[in-house]
Amino acid sequence: MYSTGHRQNLLKPDYKRFGYGIVVDPMRGRAYAVQNFAGAEQ
């Protein structure tokens, strides 16, 4: 939310759906996360 571009994208009313995924690498102790935002189906 502290990045102007990211904040504008996150707050767009056009998005009707979102998905996310999180995975942890136990060998390195790192977590990776992704988000995907989508508009209404055509």
PDB file of N, CA and C in Angstrom:
ATOM      1  N   MET A   1       0.815  -1.198   0.000  1.00  0.00           N
ATOM      2  CA  MET A   1       0.000   0.000   0.000  1.00  0.00           C
ATOM      3  C   MET A   1       0.862   1.268   0.000  1.00  0.00           C
ATOM      4  N   TYR A   2       2.138   1.127   0.204  1.00  0.00           N
ATOM      5  CA  TYR A   2       3.010   2.302   0.243  1.00  0.00           C
ATOM      6  C   TYR A   2       3.563   2.666  -1.120  1.00  0.00           C
ATOM      7  N   SER A   3       3.314   1.846  -2.121  1.00  0.00           N
ATOM      8  CA  SER A   3       3.731   2.142  -3.482  1.00  0.00           C
ATOM      9  C   SER A   3       2.519   2.686  -4.232  1.00  0.00           C
ATOM     10  N   THR A   4       2.652   3.865  -4.788  1.00  0.00           N
ATOM     11  CA  THR A   4       1.519   4.498  -5.477  1.00  0.00           C
ATOM     12  C   THR A   4       0.926   3.599  -6.558  1.00  0.00           C
ATOM     13  N   GLY A   5       1.776   3.019  -7.405  1.00  0.00           N
ATOM     14  CA  GLY A   5       1.286   2.156  -8.478  1.00  0.00           C
ATOM     15  C   GLY A   5       0.579   0.921  -7.967  1.00  0.00           C
ATOM     16  N   HIS A   6       1.156   0.268  -6.975  1.00  0.00           N
ATOM     17  CA  HIS A   6       0.519  -0.928  -6.412  1.00  0.00           C
ATOM     18  C   HIS A   6      -0.792  -0.571  -5.724  1.00  0.00           C
ATOM     19  N   ARG A   7      -0.803   0.522  -4.993  1.00  0.00           N
ATOM     20  CA  ARG A   7      -2.026   0.945  -4.295  1.00  0.00           C
ATOM     21  C   ARG A   7      -3.157   1.202  -5.297  1.00  0.00           C
ATOM     22  N   GLN A   8      -2.849   1.913  -6.381  1.00  0.00           N
ATOM     23  CA  GLN A   8      -3.876   2.198  -7.384  1.00  0.00           C
ATOM     24  C   GLN A   8      -4.434   0.903  -7.970  1.00  0.00           C
ATOM     25  N   ASN A   9      -3.575  -0.060  -8.262  1.00  0.00           N
ATOM     26  CA  ASN A   9      -4.036  -1.338  -8.814  1.00  0.00           C
ATOM     27  C   ASN A   9      -4.881  -2.104  -7.812  1.00  0.00           C
ATOM     28  N   LEU A  10      -4.470  -2.140  -6.564  1.00  0.00           N
ATOM     29  CA  LEU A  10      -5.215  -2.890  -5.548  1.00  0.00           C
ATOM     30  C   LEU A  10      -6.605  -2.312  -5.290  1.00  0.00           C
ATOM     31  N   LEU A  11      -6.746  -1.012  -5.431  1.00  0.00           N
ATOM     32  CA  LEU A  11      -8.016  -0.359  -5.101  1.00  0.00           C
ATOM     33  C   LEU A  11      -8.937  -0.153  -6.301  1.00  0.00           C
ATOM     34  N   LYS A  12      -8.582  -0.687  -7.459  1.00  0.00           N
ATOM     35  CA  LYS A  12      -9.443  -0.551  -8.636  1.00  0.00           C
ATOM     36  C   LYS A  12     -10.764  -1.277  -8.416  1.00  0.00           C
ATOM     37  N   PRO A  13     -11.882  -0.618  -8.670  1.00  0.00           N
ATOM     38  CA  PRO A  13     -13.181  -1.287  -8.512  1.00  0.00           C
ATOM     39  C   PRO A  13     -13.486  -2.278  -9.634  1.00  0.00           C
ATOM     40  N   ASP A  14     -12.653  -2.296 -10.687  1.00  0.00           N
ATOM     41  CA  ASP A  14     -12.886  -3.201 -11.821  1.00  0.00           C
ATOM     42  C   ASP A  14     -12.683  -4.671 -11.454  1.00  0.00           C
ATOM     43  N   TYR A  15     -11.902  -4.929 -10.447  1.00  0.00           N
ATOM     44  CA  TYR A  15     -11.592  -6.312 -10.089  1.00  0.00           C
ATOM     45  C   TYR A  15     -12.771  -6.975  -9.405  1.00  0.00           C
ATOM     46  N   LYS A  16     -13.138  -8.125  -9.922  1.00  0.00           N
ATOM     47  CA  LYS A  16     -14.268  -8.882  -9.368  1.00  0.00           C
ATOM     48  C   LYS A  16     -13.804 -10.174  -8.705  1.00  0.00           C
ATOM     49  N   ARG A  17     -12.580 -10.604  -9.021  1.00  0.00           N
ATOM     50  CA  ARG A  17     -12.050 -11.852  -8.481  1.00  0.00           C
ATOM     51  C   ARG A  17     -10.566 -11.686  -8.170  1.00  0.00           C
ATOM     52  N   PHE A  18     -10.114 -12.508  -7.276  1.00  0.00           N
ATOM     53  CA  PHE A  18      -8.678 -12.549  -7.036  1.00  0.00           C
ATOM     54  C   PHE A  18      -8.296 -13.950  -6.586  1.00  0.00           C
ATOM     55  N   GLY A  19      -7.050 -14.259  -6.772  1.00  0.00           N
ATOM     56  CA  GLY A  19      -6.516 -15.542  -6.321  1.00  0.00           C
ATOM     57  C   GLY A  19      -5.144 -15.304  -5.721  1.00  0.00           C
ATOM     58  N   TYR A  20      -4.733 -16.212  -4.881  1.00  0.00           N
ATOM     59  CA  TYR A  20      -3.417 -16.069  -4.284  1.00  0.00           C
ATOM     60  C   TYR A  20      -2.805 -17.439  -4.052  1.00  0.00           C
ATOM     61  N   GLY A  21      -1.529 -17.459  -3.925  1.00  0.00           N
ATOM     62  CA  GLY A  21      -0.820 -18.696  -3.637  1.00  0.00           C
ATOM     63  C   GLY A  21       0.370 -18.395  -2.740  1.00  0.00           C
ATOM     64  N   ILE A  22       0.637 -19.294  -1.827  1.00  0.00           N
ATOM     65  CA  ILE A  22       1.767 -19.148  -0.911  1.00  0.00           C
ATOM     66  C   ILE A  22       2.461 -20.498  -0.814  1.00  0.00           C
ATOM     67  N   VAL A  23       3.776 -20.483  -0.876  1.00  0.00           N
ATOM     68  CA  VAL A  23       4.557 -21.704  -0.717  1.00  0.00           C
ATOM     69  C   VAL A  23       5.778 -21.378   0.141  1.00  0.00           C
ATOM     70  N   VAL A  24       6.192 -22.337   0.935  1.00  0.00           N
ATOM     71  CA  VAL A  24       7.369 -22.164   1.776  1.00  0.00           C
ATOM     72  C   VAL A  24       8.436 -23.163   1.339  1.00  0.00           C
ATOM     73  N   ASP A  25       9.648 -22.680   1.164  1.00  0.00           N
ATOM     74  CA  ASP A  25      10.797 -23.532   0.853  1.00  0.00           C
ATOM     75  C   ASP A  25      11.428 -23.935   2.187  1.00  0.00           C
ATOM     76  N   PRO A  26      11.202 -25.172   2.644  1.00  0.00           N
ATOM     77  CA  PRO A  26      11.704 -25.586   3.952  1.00  0.00           C
ATOM     78  C   PRO A  26      13.233 -25.640   4.035  1.00  0.00           C
ATOM     79  N   MET A  27      13.884 -25.822   2.903  1.00  0.00           N
ATOM     80  CA  MET A  27      15.343 -25.886   2.908  1.00  0.00           C
ATOM     81  C   MET A  27      15.972 -24.512   3.157  1.00  0.00           C
ATOM     82  N   ARG A  28      15.326 -23.485   2.650  1.00  0.00           N
ATOM     83  CA  ARG A  28      15.866 -22.132   2.795  1.00  0.00           C
ATOM     84  C   ARG A  28      15.092 -21.287   3.802  1.00  0.00           C
ATOM     85  N   GLY A  29      13.923 -21.785   4.217  1.00  0.00           N
ATOM     86  CA  GLY A  29      13.109 -21.032   5.166  1.00  0.00           C
ATOM     87  C   GLY A  29      12.505 -19.767   4.579  1.00  0.00           C
ATOM     88  N   ARG A  30      12.279 -19.788   3.272  1.00  0.00           N
ATOM     89  CA  ARG A  30      11.700 -18.626   2.607  1.00  0.00           C
ATOM     90  C   ARG A  30      10.261 -18.897   2.211  1.00  0.00           C
ATOM     91  N   ALA A  31       9.467 -17.853   2.255  1.00  0.00           N
ATOM     92  CA  ALA A  31       8.082 -17.932   1.801  1.00  0.00           C
ATOM     93  C   ALA A  31       7.942 -17.106   0.532  1.00  0.00           C
ATOM     94  N   TYR A  32       7.159 -17.618  -0.408  1.00  0.00           N
ATOM     95  CA  TYR A  32       6.893 -16.924  -1.665  1.00  0.00           C
ATOM     96  C   TYR A  32       5.378 -16.769  -1.791  1.00  0.00           C
ATOM     97  N   ALA A  33       4.945 -15.601  -2.210  1.00  0.00           N
ATOM     98  CA  ALA A  33       3.510 -15.340  -2.346  1.00  0.00           C
ATOM     99  C   ALA A  33       3.240 -14.631  -3.664  1.00  0.00           C
ATOM    100  N   VAL A  34       2.098 -14.945  -4.264  1.00  0.00           N
ATOM    101  CA  VAL A  34       1.646 -14.281  -5.485  1.00  0.00           C
ATOM    102  C   VAL A  34       0.175 -13.924  -5.343  1.00  0.00           C
ATOM    103  N   GLN A  35      -0.236 -12.900  -6.071  1.00  0.00           N
ATOM    104  CA  GLN A  35      -1.638 -12.510  -6.138  1.00  0.00           C
ATOM    105  C   GLN A  35      -1.992 -12.306  -7.603  1.00  0.00           C
ATOM    106  N   ASN A  36      -3.245 -12.607  -7.949  1.00  0.00           N
ATOM    107  CA  ASN A  36      -3.735 -12.423  -9.309  1.00  0.00           C
ATOM    108  C   ASN A  36      -5.116 -11.789  -9.210  1.00  0.00           C
ATOM    109  N   PHE A  37      -5.296 -10.655  -9.868  1.00  0.00           N
ATOM    110  CA  PHE A  37      -6.574  -9.950  -9.845  1.00  0.00           C
ATOM    111  C   PHE A  37      -7.194 -10.007 -11.234  1.00  0.00           C
ATOM    112  N   ALA A  38      -8.511 -10.166 -11.300  1.00  0.00           N
ATOM    113  CA  ALA A  38      -9.189 -10.269 -12.586  1.00  0.00           C
ATOM    114  C   ALA A  38     -10.510  -9.515 -12.568  1.00  0.00           C
ATOM    115  N   GLY A  39     -10.892  -9.052 -13.742  1.00  0.00           N
ATOM    116  CA  GLY A  39     -12.166  -8.380 -13.901  1.00  0.00           C
ATOM    117  C   GLY A  39     -13.290  -9.390 -14.062  1.00  0.00           C
ATOM    118  N   ALA A  40     -14.462  -8.891 -14.398  1.00  0.00           N
ATOM    119  CA  ALA A  40     -15.621  -9.757 -14.571  1.00  0.00           C
ATOM    120  C   ALA A  40     -15.452 -10.630 -15.806  1.00  0.00           C
ATOM    121  N   GLU A  41     -16.077 -11.794 -15.793  1.00  0.00           N
ATOM    122  CA  GLU A  41     -16.041 -12.684 -16.961  1.00  0.00           C
ATOM    123  C   GLU A  41     -16.762 -12.037 -18.120  1.00  0.00           C
ATOM    124  N   GLN A  42     -16.275 -12.304 -19.305  1.00  0.00           N
ATOM    125  CA  GLN A  42     -16.903 -11.759 -20.521  1.00  0.00           C
ATOM    126  C   GLN A  42     -17.962 -12.704 -21.007  1.00  0.00           C
TER     127      GLN A  42
END
